[in-house]
């Protein structure tokens, strides 16, 4: 099974019939700011 959310990790670890596989890194997460209008058109 692929792409499980983090909140299911505990269940995967305790399931006798499964073994978890963690691949990292997988995604780089960012907060994107709308630079086209106030207030984030101001670098400060």
ModelCIF file with pLDDT and N, C-alpha, C, O atoms, coordinates in Angstrom:
data_MODEL
#
_entry.id   MODEL 
#
_entity.id                         1 
_entity.type                       polymer 
_entity.pdbx_number_of_molecules   1 
#
_entity_poly.entity_id                      1 
_entity_poly.type                           'polypeptide(L)' 
_entity_poly.nstd_linkage                   no 
_entity_poly.nstd_monomer                   no 
_entity_poly.pdbx_seq_one_letter_code       
;(UNK)(UNK)(UNK)(UNK)(UNK)(UNK)(UNK)(UNK)(UNK)(UNK)(UNK)(UNK)(UNK)(UNK)(UNK)(UNK)
(UNK)(UNK)(UNK)(UNK)(UNK)(UNK)(UNK)(UNK)(UNK)(UNK)(UNK)(UNK)(UNK)(UNK)(UNK)(UNK)
(UNK)(UNK)(UNK)(UNK)(UNK)(UNK)(UNK)(UNK)(UNK)(UNK)(UNK)(UNK)
;
_entity_poly.pdbx_seq_one_letter_code_can   XXXXXXXXXXXXXXXXXXXXXXXXXXXXXXXXXXXXXXXXXXXX 
_entity_poly.pdbx_strand_id                 A 
#
loop_
_entity_poly_seq.entity_id 
_entity_poly_seq.num 
_entity_poly_seq.mon_id 
_entity_poly_seq.hetero 
1 1  UNK n 
1 2  UNK n 
1 3  UNK n 
1 4  UNK n 
1 5  UNK n 
1 6  UNK n 
1 7  UNK n 
1 8  UNK n 
1 9  UNK n 
1 10 UNK n 
1 11 UNK n 
1 12 UNK n 
1 13 UNK n 
1 14 UNK n 
1 15 UNK n 
1 16 UNK n 
1 17 UNK n 
1 18 UNK n 
1 19 UNK n 
1 20 UNK n 
1 21 UNK n 
1 22 UNK n 
1 23 UNK n 
1 24 UNK n 
1 25 UNK n 
1 26 UNK n 
1 27 UNK n 
1 28 UNK n 
1 29 UNK n 
1 30 UNK n 
1 31 UNK n 
1 32 UNK n 
1 33 UNK n 
1 34 UNK n 
1 35 UNK n 
1 36 UNK n 
1 37 UNK n 
1 38 UNK n 
1 39 UNK n 
1 40 UNK n 
1 41 UNK n 
1 42 UNK n 
1 43 UNK n 
1 44 UNK n 
#
_struct_asym.id          A 
_struct_asym.entity_id   1 
#
loop_
_ma_qa_metric.id 
_ma_qa_metric.mode 
_ma_qa_metric.name 
_ma_qa_metric.software_group_id 
_ma_qa_metric.type 
1 global pLDDT . pLDDT 
2 local  pLDDT . pLDDT 
#
_ma_qa_metric_global.metric_id      1 
_ma_qa_metric_global.metric_value   94.45 
_ma_qa_metric_global.model_id       1 
_ma_qa_metric_global.ordinal_id     1 
#
loop_
_ma_qa_metric_local.label_asym_id 
_ma_qa_metric_local.label_comp_id 
_ma_qa_metric_local.label_seq_id 
_ma_qa_metric_local.metric_id 
_ma_qa_metric_local.metric_value 
_ma_qa_metric_local.model_id 
_ma_qa_metric_local.ordinal_id 
A UNK 1  2 97.00 1 1  
A UNK 2  2 95.00 1 2  
A UNK 3  2 92.00 1 3  
A UNK 4  2 93.00 1 4  
A UNK 5  2 90.00 1 5  
A UNK 6  2 89.00 1 6  
A UNK 7  2 89.00 1 7  
A UNK 8  2 94.00 1 8  
A UNK 9  2 94.00 1 9  
A UNK 10 2 93.00 1 10 
A UNK 11 2 95.00 1 11 
A UNK 12 2 95.00 1 12 
A UNK 13 2 93.00 1 13 
A UNK 14 2 94.00 1 14 
A UNK 15 2 95.00 1 15 
A UNK 16 2 93.00 1 16 
A UNK 17 2 94.00 1 17 
A UNK 18 2 96.00 1 18 
A UNK 19 2 95.00 1 19 
A UNK 20 2 95.00 1 20 
A UNK 21 2 94.00 1 21 
A UNK 22 2 94.00 1 22 
A UNK 23 2 91.00 1 23 
A UNK 24 2 88.00 1 24 
A UNK 25 2 89.00 1 25 
A UNK 26 2 90.00 1 26 
A UNK 27 2 91.00 1 27 
A UNK 28 2 95.00 1 28 
A UNK 29 2 96.00 1 29 
A UNK 30 2 97.00 1 30 
A UNK 31 2 98.00 1 31 
A UNK 32 2 98.00 1 32 
A UNK 33 2 98.00 1 33 
A UNK 34 2 97.00 1 34 
A UNK 35 2 95.00 1 35 
A UNK 36 2 95.00 1 36 
A UNK 37 2 96.00 1 37 
A UNK 38 2 97.00 1 38 
A UNK 39 2 98.00 1 39 
A UNK 40 2 98.00 1 40 
A UNK 41 2 97.00 1 41 
A UNK 42 2 98.00 1 42 
A UNK 43 2 97.00 1 43 
A UNK 44 2 98.00 1 44 
#
loop_
_atom_site.group_PDB 
_atom_site.id 
_atom_site.type_symbol 
_atom_site.label_atom_id 
_atom_site.label_alt_id 
_atom_site.label_comp_id 
_atom_site.label_asym_id 
_atom_site.label_entity_id 
_atom_site.label_seq_id 
_atom_site.pdbx_PDB_ins_code 
_atom_site.Cartn_x 
_atom_site.Cartn_y 
_atom_site.Cartn_z 
_atom_site.occupancy 
_atom_site.B_iso_or_equiv 
_atom_site.pdbx_formal_charge 
_atom_site.auth_seq_id 
_atom_site.auth_comp_id 
_atom_site.auth_asym_id 
_atom_site.auth_atom_id 
_atom_site.pdbx_PDB_model_num 
ATOM 1   N N  . UNK A 1 1  ? 0.855  -1.186 0.000  1.00 97.00 ? 1  UNK A N  1 
ATOM 2   C CA . UNK A 1 1  ? 0.000  0.000  0.000  1.00 97.00 ? 1  UNK A CA 1 
ATOM 3   C C  . UNK A 1 1  ? 0.890  1.235  0.000  1.00 97.00 ? 1  UNK A C  1 
ATOM 4   O O  . UNK A 1 1  ? 1.914  1.287  0.682  1.00 97.00 ? 1  UNK A O  1 
ATOM 5   N N  . UNK A 1 2  ? 0.474  2.226  -0.781 1.00 95.00 ? 2  UNK A N  1 
ATOM 6   C CA . UNK A 1 2  ? 1.281  3.423  -0.986 1.00 95.00 ? 2  UNK A CA 1 
ATOM 7   C C  . UNK A 1 2  ? 0.611  4.659  -0.389 1.00 95.00 ? 2  UNK A C  1 
ATOM 8   O O  . UNK A 1 2  ? -0.609 4.720  -0.241 1.00 95.00 ? 2  UNK A O  1 
ATOM 9   N N  . UNK A 1 3  ? 1.450  5.640  -0.052 1.00 92.00 ? 3  UNK A N  1 
ATOM 10  C CA . UNK A 1 3  ? 1.004  6.987  0.305  1.00 92.00 ? 3  UNK A CA 1 
ATOM 11  C C  . UNK A 1 3  ? 0.020  7.009  1.469  1.00 92.00 ? 3  UNK A C  1 
ATOM 12  O O  . UNK A 1 3  ? -1.107 7.489  1.345  1.00 92.00 ? 3  UNK A O  1 
ATOM 13  N N  . UNK A 1 4  ? 0.472  6.480  2.596  1.00 93.00 ? 4  UNK A N  1 
ATOM 14  C CA . UNK A 1 4  ? -0.350 6.526  3.809  1.00 93.00 ? 4  UNK A CA 1 
ATOM 15  C C  . UNK A 1 4  ? -0.050 7.809  4.583  1.00 93.00 ? 4  UNK A C  1 
ATOM 16  O O  . UNK A 1 4  ? 1.094  8.265  4.591  1.00 93.00 ? 4  UNK A O  1 
ATOM 17  N N  . UNK A 1 5  ? -1.056 8.401  5.235  1.00 90.00 ? 5  UNK A N  1 
ATOM 18  C CA . UNK A 1 5  ? -0.807 9.605  6.035  1.00 90.00 ? 5  UNK A CA 1 
ATOM 19  C C  . UNK A 1 5  ? -0.059 9.271  7.311  1.00 90.00 ? 5  UNK A C  1 
ATOM 20  O O  . UNK A 1 5  ? -0.090 8.135  7.783  1.00 90.00 ? 5  UNK A O  1 
ATOM 21  N N  . UNK A 1 6  ? 0.615  10.270 7.868  1.00 89.00 ? 6  UNK A N  1 
ATOM 22  C CA . UNK A 1 6  ? 1.446  10.062 9.057  1.00 89.00 ? 6  UNK A CA 1 
ATOM 23  C C  . UNK A 1 6  ? 0.649  9.535  10.236 1.00 89.00 ? 6  UNK A C  1 
ATOM 24  O O  . UNK A 1 6  ? 1.184  8.786  11.053 1.00 89.00 ? 6  UNK A O  1 
ATOM 25  N N  . UNK A 1 7  ? -0.638 9.916  10.344 1.00 89.00 ? 7  UNK A N  1 
ATOM 26  C CA . UNK A 1 7  ? -1.406 9.504  11.520 1.00 89.00 ? 7  UNK A CA 1 
ATOM 27  C C  . UNK A 1 7  ? -1.743 8.012  11.525 1.00 89.00 ? 7  UNK A C  1 
ATOM 28  O O  . UNK A 1 7  ? -2.299 7.508  12.501 1.00 89.00 ? 7  UNK A O  1 
ATOM 29  N N  . UNK A 1 8  ? -1.409 7.298  10.436 1.00 94.00 ? 8  UNK A N  1 
ATOM 30  C CA . UNK A 1 8  ? -1.609 5.848  10.417 1.00 94.00 ? 8  UNK A CA 1 
ATOM 31  C C  . UNK A 1 8  ? -0.319 5.075  10.695 1.00 94.00 ? 8  UNK A C  1 
ATOM 32  O O  . UNK A 1 8  ? -0.318 3.844  10.694 1.00 94.00 ? 8  UNK A O  1 
ATOM 33  N N  . UNK A 1 9  ? 0.778  5.798  10.932 1.00 94.00 ? 9  UNK A N  1 
ATOM 34  C CA . UNK A 1 9  ? 2.066  5.133  11.121 1.00 94.00 ? 9  UNK A CA 1 
ATOM 35  C C  . UNK A 1 9  ? 2.045  4.178  12.304 1.00 94.00 ? 9  UNK A C  1 
ATOM 36  O O  . UNK A 1 9  ? 2.579  3.073  12.220 1.00 94.00 ? 9  UNK A O  1 
ATOM 37  N N  . UNK A 1 10 ? 1.435  4.593  13.397 1.00 93.00 ? 10 UNK A N  1 
ATOM 38  C CA . UNK A 1 10 ? 1.388  3.736  14.585 1.00 93.00 ? 10 UNK A CA 1 
ATOM 39  C C  . UNK A 1 10 ? 0.678  2.426  14.284 1.00 93.00 ? 10 UNK A C  1 
ATOM 40  O O  . UNK A 1 10 ? 1.111  1.369  14.742 1.00 93.00 ? 10 UNK A O  1 
ATOM 41  N N  . UNK A 1 11 ? -0.413 2.481  13.515 1.00 95.00 ? 11 UNK A N  1 
ATOM 42  C CA . UNK A 1 11 ? -1.133 1.252  13.174 1.00 95.00 ? 11 UNK A CA 1 
ATOM 43  C C  . UNK A 1 11 ? -0.304 0.346  12.279 1.00 95.00 ? 11 UNK A C  1 
ATOM 44  O O  . UNK A 1 11 ? -0.328 -0.876 12.426 1.00 95.00 ? 11 UNK A O  1 
ATOM 45  N N  . UNK A 1 12 ? 0.432  0.953  11.345 1.00 95.00 ? 12 UNK A N  1 
ATOM 46  C CA . UNK A 1 12 ? 1.274  0.151  10.444 1.00 95.00 ? 12 UNK A CA 1 
ATOM 47  C C  . UNK A 1 12 ? 2.361  -0.559 11.246 1.00 95.00 ? 12 UNK A C  1 
ATOM 48  O O  . UNK A 1 12 ? 2.645  -1.734 11.014 1.00 95.00 ? 12 UNK A O  1 
ATOM 49  N N  . UNK A 1 13 ? 2.967  0.161  12.193 1.00 93.00 ? 13 UNK A N  1 
ATOM 50  C CA . UNK A 1 13 ? 4.053  -0.428 12.984 1.00 93.00 ? 13 UNK A CA 1 
ATOM 51  C C  . UNK A 1 13 ? 3.578  -1.587 13.845 1.00 93.00 ? 13 UNK A C  1 
ATOM 52  O O  . UNK A 1 13 ? 4.345  -2.512 14.114 1.00 93.00 ? 13 UNK A O  1 
ATOM 53  N N  . UNK A 1 14 ? 2.327  -1.549 14.278 1.00 94.00 ? 14 UNK A N  1 
ATOM 54  C CA . UNK A 1 14 ? 1.825  -2.609 15.164 1.00 94.00 ? 14 UNK A CA 1 
ATOM 55  C C  . UNK A 1 14 ? 1.108  -3.722 14.411 1.00 94.00 ? 14 UNK A C  1 
ATOM 56  O O  . UNK A 1 14 ? 0.736  -4.724 15.022 1.00 94.00 ? 14 UNK A O  1 
ATOM 57  N N  . UNK A 1 15 ? 0.905  -3.578 13.113 1.00 95.00 ? 15 UNK A N  1 
ATOM 58  C CA . UNK A 1 15 ? 0.225  -4.612 12.331 1.00 95.00 ? 15 UNK A CA 1 
ATOM 59  C C  . UNK A 1 15 ? 1.177  -5.772 12.068 1.00 95.00 ? 15 UNK A C  1 
ATOM 60  O O  . UNK A 1 15 ? 2.214  -5.594 11.428 1.00 95.00 ? 15 UNK A O  1 
ATOM 61  N N  . UNK A 1 16 ? 0.835  -6.941 12.550 1.00 93.00 ? 16 UNK A N  1 
ATOM 62  C CA . UNK A 1 16 ? 1.719  -8.109 12.407 1.00 93.00 ? 16 UNK A CA 1 
ATOM 63  C C  . UNK A 1 16 ? 1.894  -8.521 10.954 1.00 93.00 ? 16 UNK A C  1 
ATOM 64  O O  . UNK A 1 16 ? 2.919  -9.100 10.595 1.00 93.00 ? 16 UNK A O  1 
ATOM 65  N N  . UNK A 1 17 ? 0.905  -8.228 10.115 1.00 94.00 ? 17 UNK A N  1 
ATOM 66  C CA . UNK A 1 17 ? 0.945  -8.677 8.721  1.00 94.00 ? 17 UNK A CA 1 
ATOM 67  C C  . UNK A 1 17 ? 1.601  -7.680 7.777  1.00 94.00 ? 17 UNK A C  1 
ATOM 68  O O  . UNK A 1 17 ? 1.661  -7.919 6.571  1.00 94.00 ? 17 UNK A O  1 
ATOM 69  N N  . UNK A 1 18 ? 2.095  -6.560 8.314  1.00 96.00 ? 18 UNK A N  1 
ATOM 70  C CA . UNK A 1 18 ? 2.693  -5.533 7.455  1.00 96.00 ? 18 UNK A CA 1 
ATOM 71  C C  . UNK A 1 18 ? 4.009  -5.031 8.022  1.00 96.00 ? 18 UNK A C  1 
ATOM 72  O O  . UNK A 1 18 ? 4.256  -5.103 9.226  1.00 96.00 ? 18 UNK A O  1 
ATOM 73  N N  . UNK A 1 19 ? 4.840  -4.526 7.135  1.00 95.00 ? 19 UNK A N  1 
ATOM 74  C CA . UNK A 1 19 ? 6.065  -3.851 7.542  1.00 95.00 ? 19 UNK A CA 1 
ATOM 75  C C  . UNK A 1 19 ? 6.088  -2.471 6.896  1.00 95.00 ? 19 UNK A C  1 
ATOM 76  O O  . UNK A 1 19 ? 5.881  -2.350 5.688  1.00 95.00 ? 19 UNK A O  1 
ATOM 77  N N  . UNK A 1 20 ? 6.339  -1.424 7.691  1.00 95.00 ? 20 UNK A N  1 
ATOM 78  C CA . UNK A 1 20 ? 6.368  -0.081 7.107  1.00 95.00 ? 20 UNK A CA 1 
ATOM 79  C C  . UNK A 1 20 ? 7.602  0.137  6.246  1.00 95.00 ? 20 UNK A C  1 
ATOM 80  O O  . UNK A 1 20 ? 8.655  -0.454 6.486  1.00 95.00 ? 20 UNK A O  1 
ATOM 81  N N  . UNK A 1 21 ? 7.459  0.982  5.255  1.00 94.00 ? 21 UNK A N  1 
ATOM 82  C CA . UNK A 1 21 ? 8.583  1.421  4.438  1.00 94.00 ? 21 UNK A CA 1 
ATOM 83  C C  . UNK A 1 21 ? 8.525  2.937  4.359  1.00 94.00 ? 21 UNK A C  1 
ATOM 84  O O  . UNK A 1 21 ? 7.540  3.503  3.885  1.00 94.00 ? 21 UNK A O  1 
ATOM 85  N N  . UNK A 1 22 ? 9.581  3.593  4.823  1.00 94.00 ? 22 UNK A N  1 
ATOM 86  C CA . UNK A 1 22 ? 9.649  5.045  4.799  1.00 94.00 ? 22 UNK A CA 1 
ATOM 87  C C  . UNK A 1 22 ? 10.696 5.464  3.776  1.00 94.00 ? 22 UNK A C  1 
ATOM 88  O O  . UNK A 1 22 ? 11.855 5.059  3.857  1.00 94.00 ? 22 UNK A O  1 
ATOM 89  N N  . UNK A 1 23 ? 10.274 6.279  2.814  1.00 91.00 ? 23 UNK A N  1 
ATOM 90  C CA . UNK A 1 23 ? 11.199 6.808  1.816  1.00 91.00 ? 23 UNK A CA 1 
ATOM 91  C C  . UNK A 1 23 ? 11.315 8.305  2.042  1.00 91.00 ? 23 UNK A C  1 
ATOM 92  O O  . UNK A 1 23 ? 10.327 9.035  1.976  1.00 91.00 ? 23 UNK A O  1 
ATOM 93  N N  . UNK A 1 24 ? 12.523 8.748  2.305  1.00 88.00 ? 24 UNK A N  1 
ATOM 94  C CA . UNK A 1 24 ? 12.726 10.179 2.497  1.00 88.00 ? 24 UNK A CA 1 
ATOM 95  C C  . UNK A 1 24 ? 14.052 10.600 1.880  1.00 88.00 ? 24 UNK A C  1 
ATOM 96  O O  . UNK A 1 24 ? 15.023 9.843  1.889  1.00 88.00 ? 24 UNK A O  1 
ATOM 97  N N  . UNK A 1 25 ? 14.080 11.792 1.355  1.00 89.00 ? 25 UNK A N  1 
ATOM 98  C CA . UNK A 1 25 ? 12.968 12.725 1.243  1.00 89.00 ? 25 UNK A CA 1 
ATOM 99  C C  . UNK A 1 25 ? 12.003 12.320 0.133  1.00 89.00 ? 25 UNK A C  1 
ATOM 100 O O  . UNK A 1 25 ? 12.350 11.556 -0.767 1.00 89.00 ? 25 UNK A O  1 
ATOM 101 N N  . UNK A 1 26 ? 10.785 12.851 0.219  1.00 90.00 ? 26 UNK A N  1 
ATOM 102 C CA . UNK A 1 26 ? 9.751  12.562 -0.765 1.00 90.00 ? 26 UNK A CA 1 
ATOM 103 C C  . UNK A 1 26 ? 9.180  13.850 -1.352 1.00 90.00 ? 26 UNK A C  1 
ATOM 104 O O  . UNK A 1 26 ? 9.049  13.984 -2.569 1.00 90.00 ? 26 UNK A O  1 
ATOM 105 N N  . UNK A 1 27 ? 8.849  14.776 -0.491 1.00 91.00 ? 27 UNK A N  1 
ATOM 106 C CA . UNK A 1 27 ? 8.401  16.106 -0.903 1.00 91.00 ? 27 UNK A CA 1 
ATOM 107 C C  . UNK A 1 27 ? 9.101  17.157 -0.067 1.00 91.00 ? 27 UNK A C  1 
ATOM 108 O O  . UNK A 1 27 ? 9.416  16.927 1.101  1.00 91.00 ? 27 UNK A O  1 
ATOM 109 N N  . UNK A 1 28 ? 9.348  18.327 -0.677 1.00 95.00 ? 28 UNK A N  1 
ATOM 110 C CA . UNK A 1 28 ? 9.830  19.492 0.049  1.00 95.00 ? 28 UNK A CA 1 
ATOM 111 C C  . UNK A 1 28 ? 8.630  20.425 0.232  1.00 95.00 ? 28 UNK A C  1 
ATOM 112 O O  . UNK A 1 28 ? 8.049  20.895 -0.746 1.00 95.00 ? 28 UNK A O  1 
ATOM 113 N N  . UNK A 1 29 ? 8.265  20.687 1.483  1.00 96.00 ? 29 UNK A N  1 
ATOM 114 C CA . UNK A 1 29 ? 7.061  21.460 1.756  1.00 96.00 ? 29 UNK A CA 1 
ATOM 115 C C  . UNK A 1 29 ? 7.390  22.924 2.031  1.00 96.00 ? 29 UNK A C  1 
ATOM 116 O O  . UNK A 1 29 ? 8.348  23.237 2.738  1.00 96.00 ? 29 UNK A O  1 
ATOM 117 N N  . UNK A 1 30 ? 6.586  23.807 1.465  1.00 97.00 ? 30 UNK A N  1 
ATOM 118 C CA . UNK A 1 30 ? 6.767  25.253 1.584  1.00 97.00 ? 30 UNK A CA 1 
ATOM 119 C C  . UNK A 1 30 ? 5.441  25.931 1.920  1.00 97.00 ? 30 UNK A C  1 
ATOM 120 O O  . UNK A 1 30 ? 4.366  25.368 1.715  1.00 97.00 ? 30 UNK A O  1 
ATOM 121 N N  . UNK A 1 31 ? 5.545  27.147 2.438  1.00 98.00 ? 31 UNK A N  1 
ATOM 122 C CA . UNK A 1 31 ? 4.413  28.064 2.530  1.00 98.00 ? 31 UNK A CA 1 
ATOM 123 C C  . UNK A 1 31 ? 4.612  29.106 1.437  1.00 98.00 ? 31 UNK A C  1 
ATOM 124 O O  . UNK A 1 31 ? 5.566  29.882 1.487  1.00 98.00 ? 31 UNK A O  1 
ATOM 125 N N  . UNK A 1 32 ? 3.716  29.129 0.448  1.00 98.00 ? 32 UNK A N  1 
ATOM 126 C CA . UNK A 1 32 ? 3.821  30.076 -0.653 1.00 98.00 ? 32 UNK A CA 1 
ATOM 127 C C  . UNK A 1 32 ? 3.075  31.359 -0.316 1.00 98.00 ? 32 UNK A C  1 
ATOM 128 O O  . UNK A 1 32 ? 1.966  31.318 0.217  1.00 98.00 ? 32 UNK A O  1 
ATOM 129 N N  . UNK A 1 33 ? 3.682  32.490 -0.625 1.00 98.00 ? 33 UNK A N  1 
ATOM 130 C CA . UNK A 1 33 ? 3.128  33.804 -0.315 1.00 98.00 ? 33 UNK A CA 1 
ATOM 131 C C  . UNK A 1 33 ? 2.735  34.513 -1.606 1.00 98.00 ? 33 UNK A C  1 
ATOM 132 O O  . UNK A 1 33 ? 3.492  34.512 -2.576 1.00 98.00 ? 33 UNK A O  1 
ATOM 133 N N  . UNK A 1 34 ? 1.560  35.113 -1.615 1.00 97.00 ? 34 UNK A N  1 
ATOM 134 C CA . UNK A 1 34 ? 1.047  35.786 -2.808 1.00 97.00 ? 34 UNK A CA 1 
ATOM 135 C C  . UNK A 1 34 ? 1.726  37.138 -2.963 1.00 97.00 ? 34 UNK A C  1 
ATOM 136 O O  . UNK A 1 34 ? 1.310  38.120 -2.349 1.00 97.00 ? 34 UNK A O  1 
ATOM 137 N N  . UNK A 1 35 ? 2.753  37.188 -3.769 1.00 95.00 ? 35 UNK A N  1 
ATOM 138 C CA . UNK A 1 35 ? 3.566  38.400 -3.933 1.00 95.00 ? 35 UNK A CA 1 
ATOM 139 C C  . UNK A 1 35 ? 2.946  39.422 -4.871 1.00 95.00 ? 35 UNK A C  1 
ATOM 140 O O  . UNK A 1 35 ? 3.549  40.467 -5.117 1.00 95.00 ? 35 UNK A O  1 
ATOM 141 N N  . UNK A 1 36 ? 1.759  39.151 -5.403 1.00 95.00 ? 36 UNK A N  1 
ATOM 142 C CA . UNK A 1 36 ? 1.151  40.034 -6.395 1.00 95.00 ? 36 UNK A CA 1 
ATOM 143 C C  . UNK A 1 36 ? 0.320  41.150 -5.782 1.00 95.00 ? 36 UNK A C  1 
ATOM 144 O O  . UNK A 1 36 ? -0.096 42.070 -6.487 1.00 95.00 ? 36 UNK A O  1 
ATOM 145 N N  . UNK A 1 37 ? 0.068  41.080 -4.458 1.00 96.00 ? 37 UNK A N  1 
ATOM 146 C CA . UNK A 1 37 ? -0.793 42.091 -3.840 1.00 96.00 ? 37 UNK A CA 1 
ATOM 147 C C  . UNK A 1 37 ? -0.423 42.246 -2.367 1.00 96.00 ? 37 UNK A C  1 
ATOM 148 O O  . UNK A 1 37 ? 0.269  41.395 -1.809 1.00 96.00 ? 37 UNK A O  1 
ATOM 149 N N  . UNK A 1 38 ? -0.882 43.334 -1.733 1.00 97.00 ? 38 UNK A N  1 
ATOM 150 C CA . UNK A 1 38 ? -0.610 43.520 -0.312 1.00 97.00 ? 38 UNK A CA 1 
ATOM 151 C C  . UNK A 1 38 ? -1.231 42.385 0.508  1.00 97.00 ? 38 UNK A C  1 
ATOM 152 O O  . UNK A 1 38 ? -2.255 41.835 0.104  1.00 97.00 ? 38 UNK A O  1 
ATOM 153 N N  . UNK A 1 39 ? -0.637 42.021 1.648  1.00 98.00 ? 39 UNK A N  1 
ATOM 154 C CA . UNK A 1 39 ? 0.572  42.639 2.193  1.00 98.00 ? 39 UNK A CA 1 
ATOM 155 C C  . UNK A 1 39 ? 1.878  41.992 1.726  1.00 98.00 ? 39 UNK A C  1 
ATOM 156 O O  . UNK A 1 39 ? 2.956  42.523 1.994  1.00 98.00 ? 39 UNK A O  1 
ATOM 157 N N  . UNK A 1 40 ? 1.796  40.835 1.021  1.00 98.00 ? 40 UNK A N  1 
ATOM 158 C CA . UNK A 1 40 ? 3.015  40.089 0.720  1.00 98.00 ? 40 UNK A CA 1 
ATOM 159 C C  . UNK A 1 40 ? 3.752  40.588 -0.512 1.00 98.00 ? 40 UNK A C  1 
ATOM 160 O O  . UNK A 1 40 ? 4.743  39.984 -0.923 1.00 98.00 ? 40 UNK A O  1 
ATOM 161 N N  . UNK A 1 41 ? 3.280  41.692 -1.117 1.00 97.00 ? 41 UNK A N  1 
ATOM 162 C CA . UNK A 1 41 ? 4.094  42.338 -2.145 1.00 97.00 ? 41 UNK A CA 1 
ATOM 163 C C  . UNK A 1 41 ? 5.232  43.145 -1.512 1.00 97.00 ? 41 UNK A C  1 
ATOM 164 O O  . UNK A 1 41 ? 6.104  43.657 -2.214 1.00 97.00 ? 41 UNK A O  1 
ATOM 165 N N  . UNK A 1 42 ? 5.214  43.251 -0.182 1.00 98.00 ? 42 UNK A N  1 
ATOM 166 C CA . UNK A 1 42 ? 6.251  43.941 0.589  1.00 98.00 ? 42 UNK A CA 1 
ATOM 167 C C  . UNK A 1 42 ? 7.199  42.907 1.185  1.00 98.00 ? 42 UNK A C  1 
ATOM 168 O O  . UNK A 1 42 ? 6.772  42.025 1.930  1.00 98.00 ? 42 UNK A O  1 
ATOM 169 N N  . UNK A 1 43 ? 8.492  43.016 0.856  1.00 97.00 ? 43 UNK A N  1 
ATOM 170 C CA . UNK A 1 43 ? 9.448  42.010 1.314  1.00 97.00 ? 43 UNK A CA 1 
ATOM 171 C C  . UNK A 1 43 ? 9.571  41.984 2.830  1.00 97.00 ? 43 UNK A C  1 
ATOM 172 O O  . UNK A 1 43 ? 9.879  40.937 3.400  1.00 97.00 ? 43 UNK A O  1 
ATOM 173 N N  . UNK A 1 44 ? 9.342  43.100 3.491  1.00 98.00 ? 44 UNK A N  1 
ATOM 174 C CA . UNK A 1 44 ? 9.419  43.114 4.956  1.00 98.00 ? 44 UNK A CA 1 
ATOM 175 C C  . UNK A 1 44 ? 8.325  42.234 5.560  1.00 98.00 ? 44 UNK A C  1 
ATOM 176 O O  . UNK A 1 44 ? 8.230  42.120 6.782  1.00 98.00 ? 44 UNK A O  1 
#
